[in-house]
């Protein structure tokens, strides 16, 4: 995962950027988010210049993702900001997406487009969102209600399942065909998830014809209990979608405790060779989405 954002580091990095060959844009460039569909503000980045993005409100640190992470010499995520600098210049016309999700308010998330332009790079960028209108609050409340209703339906579906499934019942339900199922350990995904209060101890999965399951052993290193309530999966280059079911060994995981969490995902019908082959990222959150665990590069 990412290391915490530290102002002292950012200041030192900015001083380095000021002495670089690329001329940084004047500090304090402002970006105002409108929340319109398809909005993607452009940021100019260059090696030797550190771009400091101040987002104006608390963000979900676990949600921050950037394309081509290995191409950045500096990538720091804080409670309300991101600091970054590429190791090598981005070509003109080349774009890398930086996705950020806010803890609350509207717009809830934004995708910045990072690109290169000879002789130009952003230094300090201040991002702001418009004040919430009554209509925006109504929309957000409606979305929250829909999420709660969806979770209630998932709970009812779980209650309708038999308390215990025998191998024969599993076969009759169509969960397993004559091809059986495939299992795999996602060691790389676990190793790349660092820096948050929620840390995966072990990651593994199972796959069948029309489903995949990711099992995570999660260590809660924070000071508050955590109760996983919902999850979303995002295929590489695709849009996030809600997981079918999230199950855990207990209702909550206490501070310092470890708990197994299983995320079930509906998949399009596929042949045996394609089981656990498509790369996704998985995000598991508590009810209001304020504390999430994000696992990159999981094959489903």
Protein backbone atom coordinates (compact mmCIF):
# COMPACT_ATOMS: atom_id res chain seq x y z
CA UNK A 1 0.00 0.00 0.00
CA UNK A 2 0.97 3.63 0.08
CA UNK A 3 2.89 5.45 2.79
CA UNK A 4 1.14 8.30 4.65
CA UNK A 5 1.28 11.78 3.18
CA UNK A 6 3.81 13.88 5.11
CA UNK A 7 3.96 17.66 4.62
CA UNK A 8 7.70 17.77 5.35
CA UNK A 9 8.38 15.25 2.61
CA UNK A 10 6.13 17.12 0.20
CA UNK A 11 7.90 20.42 0.95
CA UNK A 12 11.31 18.87 0.38
CA UNK A 13 10.11 17.28 -2.82
CA UNK A 14 8.68 20.57 -4.04
CA UNK A 15 12.04 22.25 -3.50
CA UNK A 16 13.63 19.54 -5.61
CA UNK A 17 11.01 20.18 -8.27
CA UNK A 18 11.74 23.90 -8.33
CA UNK A 19 15.37 23.22 -9.20
CA UNK A 20 14.57 20.73 -11.95
CA UNK A 21 14.83 21.49 -15.62
CA UNK A 22 11.05 21.42 -16.06
CA UNK A 23 9.38 24.74 -15.23
CA UNK A 24 6.60 24.10 -12.67
CA UNK A 25 3.30 25.91 -13.07
CA UNK A 26 2.53 28.63 -10.47
CA UNK A 27 1.62 27.14 -7.09
CA UNK A 28 -2.03 27.05 -6.18
CA UNK A 29 -3.72 26.14 -9.45
CA UNK A 30 -7.39 25.54 -8.68
CA UNK A 31 -9.65 22.78 -9.98
CA UNK A 32 -13.37 22.91 -9.22
CA UNK A 33 -15.27 19.65 -9.59
CA UNK A 34 -18.78 19.90 -11.02
CA UNK A 35 -19.84 16.28 -10.66
CA UNK A 36 -20.91 16.06 -14.30
CA UNK A 37 -20.72 12.66 -15.99
CA UNK A 38 -17.37 12.01 -17.65
CA UNK A 39 -15.58 14.83 -15.79
CA UNK A 40 -11.83 14.10 -15.70
CA UNK A 41 -9.56 17.03 -14.77
CA UNK A 42 -6.12 16.97 -16.42
CA UNK A 43 -2.90 17.17 -14.38
CA UNK A 44 0.51 17.75 -15.96
CA UNK A 45 3.31 15.73 -14.35
CA UNK A 46 7.03 15.44 -15.07
CA UNK A 47 10.08 13.77 -13.53
CA UNK A 48 11.96 16.09 -11.16
CA UNK A 49 8.80 17.97 -10.21
CA UNK A 50 6.53 16.77 -7.40
CA UNK A 51 2.84 17.45 -7.91
CA UNK A 52 0.90 17.99 -4.68
CA UNK A 53 -2.85 17.45 -5.05
CA UNK A 54 -4.89 18.92 -2.16
CA UNK A 55 -8.40 17.48 -2.39
CA UNK A 56 -10.19 19.76 0.07
CA UNK A 57 -11.93 16.99 2.06
CA UNK A 58 -11.15 13.58 3.63
CA UNK A 59 -10.72 10.75 1.13
CA UNK A 60 -10.77 6.96 1.37
CA UNK A 61 -7.04 6.32 1.27
CA UNK A 62 -7.57 2.68 0.33
CA UNK A 63 -9.54 3.75 -2.74
CA UNK A 64 -6.75 5.73 -4.39
CA UNK A 65 -5.48 3.94 -7.49
CA UNK A 66 -3.18 5.07 -10.28
CA UNK A 67 -2.44 3.38 -13.58
CA UNK A 68 1.18 2.36 -14.05
CA UNK A 69 2.09 2.60 -10.34
CA UNK A 70 5.62 1.29 -11.05
CA UNK A 71 6.28 4.29 -13.29
CA UNK A 72 6.14 6.75 -10.36
CA UNK A 73 9.20 7.56 -8.27
CA UNK A 74 6.96 9.32 -5.73
CA UNK A 75 3.41 8.32 -4.86
CA UNK A 76 2.18 9.29 -1.38
CA UNK A 77 -1.46 9.20 -0.20
CA UNK A 78 -2.68 11.22 2.78
CA UNK A 79 -6.03 11.80 4.48
CA UNK A 80 -6.93 14.59 2.04
CA UNK A 81 -4.14 14.72 -0.53
CA UNK A 82 -1.93 12.90 -3.00
CA UNK A 83 1.73 13.61 -3.81
CA UNK A 84 3.26 12.17 -6.96
CA UNK A 85 6.10 12.41 -9.45
CA UNK A 86 6.84 10.10 -12.39
CA UNK A 87 10.23 8.42 -12.74
CA UNK A 88 10.27 9.09 -16.49
CA UNK A 89 8.39 11.55 -18.63
CA UNK A 90 4.96 10.70 -19.97
CA UNK A 91 4.68 11.09 -23.70
CA UNK A 92 2.48 13.75 -25.25
CA UNK A 93 -0.94 12.19 -25.78
CA UNK A 94 -0.29 9.52 -23.11
CA UNK A 95 -2.80 9.42 -20.26
CA UNK A 96 -2.74 7.64 -16.90
CA UNK A 97 -5.85 7.59 -14.71
CA UNK A 98 -5.74 8.55 -11.00
CA UNK A 99 -8.95 7.51 -9.19
CA UNK A 100 -9.92 9.09 -5.84
CA UNK A 101 -13.01 8.49 -3.67
CA UNK A 102 -14.16 10.92 -0.97
CA UNK A 103 -15.41 9.75 2.41
CA UNK A 104 -18.64 11.72 1.97
CA UNK A 105 -20.25 14.44 -0.12
CA UNK A 106 -20.75 14.91 -3.84
CA UNK A 107 -19.26 14.20 -6.27
CA UNK A 108 -18.31 11.03 -4.42
CA UNK A 109 -15.34 10.19 -6.64
CA UNK A 110 -13.22 11.67 -9.40
CA UNK A 111 -10.79 10.40 -12.01
CA UNK A 112 -7.86 12.68 -12.82
CA UNK A 113 -5.98 12.22 -16.08
CA UNK A 114 -2.21 12.47 -15.75
CA UNK A 115 -0.24 13.45 -18.84
CA UNK A 116 3.02 15.05 -19.92
CA UNK A 117 3.65 18.29 -21.75
CA UNK A 118 7.17 19.50 -22.55
CA UNK A 119 8.25 22.37 -20.30
CA UNK A 120 5.18 22.21 -18.04
CA UNK A 121 4.26 20.43 -14.81
CA UNK A 122 1.77 21.16 -12.04
CA UNK A 123 3.21 21.95 -8.62
CA UNK A 124 0.41 22.59 -6.11
CA UNK A 125 -3.17 21.88 -7.24
CA UNK A 126 -6.12 22.81 -5.01
CA UNK A 127 -9.29 20.78 -5.68
CA UNK A 128 -12.70 21.90 -4.43
CA UNK A 129 -16.27 20.68 -4.73
CA UNK A 130 -19.43 22.81 -4.86
CA UNK A 131 -21.44 23.12 -1.67
CA UNK A 132 -24.12 20.49 -1.30
CA UNK A 133 -27.52 21.61 -2.56
CA UNK A 134 -30.79 20.23 -1.24
CA UNK A 135 -31.22 18.28 -4.47
CA UNK A 136 -27.71 16.79 -4.22
CA UNK A 137 -28.44 15.67 -0.66
CA UNK A 138 -31.66 14.03 -1.84
CA UNK A 139 -29.78 12.16 -4.57
CA UNK A 140 -27.15 10.97 -2.09
CA UNK A 141 -29.85 9.88 0.37
CA UNK A 142 -31.63 7.98 -2.42
CA UNK A 143 -28.40 6.19 -3.35
CA UNK A 144 -27.84 5.25 0.31
CA UNK A 145 -31.36 3.85 0.55
CA UNK A 146 -30.83 1.78 -2.61
CA UNK A 147 -27.60 0.40 -1.16
CA UNK A 148 -29.37 -0.54 2.07
CA UNK A 149 -32.21 -2.20 0.16
CA UNK A 150 -29.70 -4.20 -1.90
CA UNK A 151 -27.95 -5.34 1.28
CA UNK A 152 -31.31 -6.35 2.77
CA UNK A 153 -32.06 -8.47 -0.31
CA UNK A 154 -28.64 -10.14 -0.03
CA UNK A 155 -29.38 -10.92 3.61
CA UNK A 156 -32.74 -12.46 2.71
CA UNK A 157 -31.05 -14.57 0.02
CA UNK A 158 -28.54 -15.80 2.59
CA UNK A 159 -31.32 -16.67 5.04
CA UNK A 160 -33.07 -18.66 2.32
CA UNK A 161 -30.04 -20.89 1.80
CA UNK A 162 -29.79 -24.15 3.74
CA UNK A 163 -27.88 -23.87 7.00
CA UNK A 164 -25.46 -26.52 5.80
CA UNK A 165 -24.81 -27.70 2.26
CA UNK A 166 -23.73 -31.28 1.65
CA UNK A 167 -21.58 -32.15 -1.40
CA UNK A 168 -24.70 -33.65 -3.00
CA UNK A 169 -26.67 -30.41 -2.47
CA UNK A 170 -23.82 -28.38 -3.95
CA UNK A 171 -23.85 -30.56 -7.07
CA UNK A 172 -27.65 -30.38 -7.45
CA UNK A 173 -27.58 -26.59 -7.04
CA UNK A 174 -25.23 -26.36 -10.02
CA UNK A 175 -22.42 -24.67 -8.09
CA UNK A 176 -20.03 -27.41 -9.24
CA UNK A 177 -20.14 -29.24 -12.57
CA UNK A 178 -18.28 -32.32 -13.79
CA UNK A 179 -15.23 -30.04 -14.15
CA UNK A 180 -15.22 -29.41 -10.40
CA UNK A 181 -13.65 -26.14 -9.28
CA UNK A 182 -10.23 -24.47 -9.32
CA UNK A 183 -8.34 -23.06 -6.35
CA UNK A 184 -5.48 -20.56 -6.22
CA UNK A 185 -3.52 -18.48 -3.70
CA UNK A 186 -3.20 -14.75 -4.42
CA UNK A 187 0.13 -14.22 -2.66
CA UNK A 188 1.18 -11.26 -4.84
CA UNK A 189 -2.11 -9.43 -4.16
CA UNK A 190 -1.61 -9.81 -0.40
CA UNK A 191 1.99 -8.61 -0.52
CA UNK A 192 1.06 -5.47 -2.47
CA UNK A 193 -1.62 -4.44 0.07
CA UNK A 194 0.20 -2.41 2.70
CA UNK A 195 -0.15 0.76 4.78
CA UNK A 196 -3.81 0.68 5.93
CA UNK A 197 -5.44 -0.36 9.19
CA UNK A 198 -6.93 -3.42 7.48
CA UNK A 199 -4.28 -5.84 6.27
CA UNK A 200 -4.75 -9.17 4.52
CA UNK A 201 -2.81 -12.00 6.14
CA UNK A 202 -3.69 -14.55 3.45
CA UNK A 203 -5.56 -14.36 0.13
CA UNK A 204 -6.88 -17.30 -1.85
CA UNK A 205 -9.81 -18.13 -4.10
CA UNK A 206 -12.02 -20.70 -5.76
CA UNK A 207 -13.52 -20.59 -9.23
CA UNK A 208 -16.26 -22.44 -11.10
CA UNK A 209 -18.27 -22.12 -14.28
CA UNK A 210 -20.36 -19.08 -13.31
CA UNK A 211 -18.82 -17.90 -10.02
CA UNK A 212 -15.63 -17.01 -8.19
CA UNK A 213 -14.95 -16.64 -4.47
CA UNK A 214 -12.14 -14.66 -2.84
CA UNK A 215 -11.28 -15.56 0.77
CA UNK A 216 -9.30 -13.01 2.78
CA UNK A 217 -7.89 -13.42 6.27
CA UNK A 218 -7.98 -9.84 7.52
CA UNK A 219 -6.02 -8.36 10.43
CA UNK A 220 -7.59 -5.23 11.95
CA UNK A 221 -4.67 -3.12 13.20
CA UNK A 222 -6.87 -0.08 13.85
CA UNK A 223 -8.44 1.09 17.10
CA UNK A 224 -12.07 0.48 16.09
CA UNK A 225 -13.98 -2.75 15.29
CA UNK A 226 -14.62 -3.43 11.60
CA UNK A 227 -17.68 -5.15 10.14
CA UNK A 228 -17.47 -6.02 6.43
CA UNK A 229 -20.88 -5.34 4.83
CA UNK A 230 -20.41 -5.09 1.06
CA UNK A 231 -17.77 -5.46 -1.62
CA UNK A 232 -17.19 -4.41 -5.21
CA UNK A 233 -14.94 -5.87 -7.87
CA UNK A 234 -13.43 -3.99 -10.80
CA UNK A 235 -12.09 -5.81 -13.85
CA UNK A 236 -8.99 -4.31 -15.46
CA UNK A 237 -10.21 -1.58 -17.78
CA UNK A 238 -13.84 -2.03 -16.69
CA UNK A 239 -16.39 -0.52 -14.32
CA UNK A 240 -16.81 -1.53 -10.65
CA UNK A 241 -19.74 -3.83 -9.84
CA UNK A 242 -21.15 -5.08 -6.58
CA UNK A 243 -20.21 -8.54 -5.33
CA UNK A 244 -23.03 -11.06 -5.03
CA UNK A 245 -22.46 -12.04 -1.38
CA UNK A 246 -20.05 -11.09 1.43
CA UNK A 247 -19.72 -13.56 4.32
CA UNK A 248 -17.50 -13.42 7.38
CA UNK A 249 -16.67 -15.75 10.21
CA UNK A 250 -18.16 -13.31 12.74
CA UNK A 251 -20.14 -10.06 12.75
CA UNK A 252 -17.17 -7.80 13.48
CA UNK A 253 -13.42 -8.02 13.78
CA UNK A 254 -12.13 -6.42 16.96
CA UNK A 255 -8.96 -4.28 17.10
CA UNK A 256 -5.96 -6.56 16.77
CA UNK A 257 -8.13 -9.48 15.68
CA UNK A 258 -8.04 -11.63 12.54
CA UNK A 259 -11.13 -12.79 10.63
CA UNK A 260 -11.87 -14.64 7.40
CA UNK A 261 -14.03 -12.81 4.84
CA UNK A 262 -15.41 -14.45 1.68
CA UNK A 263 -16.54 -12.45 -1.34
CA UNK A 264 -18.71 -14.26 -3.89
CA UNK A 265 -18.82 -12.86 -7.44
CA UNK A 266 -21.13 -13.86 -10.26
CA UNK A 267 -19.15 -14.46 -13.46
CA UNK A 268 -20.28 -14.99 -17.04
CA UNK A 269 -20.39 -18.66 -18.07
CA UNK A 270 -16.86 -19.68 -19.03
CA UNK A 271 -14.80 -22.71 -19.85
CA UNK A 272 -12.53 -24.39 -17.32
CA UNK A 273 -9.41 -22.79 -18.81
CA UNK A 274 -10.74 -19.31 -17.93
CA UNK A 275 -11.43 -19.95 -14.24
CA UNK A 276 -9.43 -17.61 -11.96
CA UNK A 277 -7.74 -15.99 -14.96
CA UNK A 278 -9.35 -12.51 -15.35
CA UNK A 279 -7.59 -9.81 -13.33
CA UNK A 280 -9.71 -7.69 -10.98
CA UNK A 281 -9.31 -5.44 -7.96
CA UNK A 282 -11.47 -6.22 -4.91
CA UNK A 283 -12.67 -3.69 -2.33
CA UNK A 284 -14.43 -4.79 0.90
CA UNK A 285 -16.07 -2.07 3.04
CA UNK A 286 -18.11 -1.52 6.16
CA UNK A 287 -21.71 -0.31 5.83
CA UNK A 288 -21.08 3.38 5.11
CA UNK A 289 -17.89 2.80 3.13
CA UNK A 290 -15.72 4.75 5.60
CA UNK A 291 -13.27 1.86 6.14
CA UNK A 292 -12.35 -0.36 3.23
CA UNK A 293 -9.76 -2.97 2.35
CA UNK A 294 -8.61 -2.85 -1.30
CA UNK A 295 -6.80 -5.79 -2.90
CA UNK A 296 -5.23 -5.21 -6.34
CA UNK A 297 -4.47 -7.80 -9.01
CA UNK A 298 -6.78 -10.61 -7.92
CA UNK A 299 -7.54 -13.14 -10.65
CA UNK A 300 -11.20 -14.14 -10.81
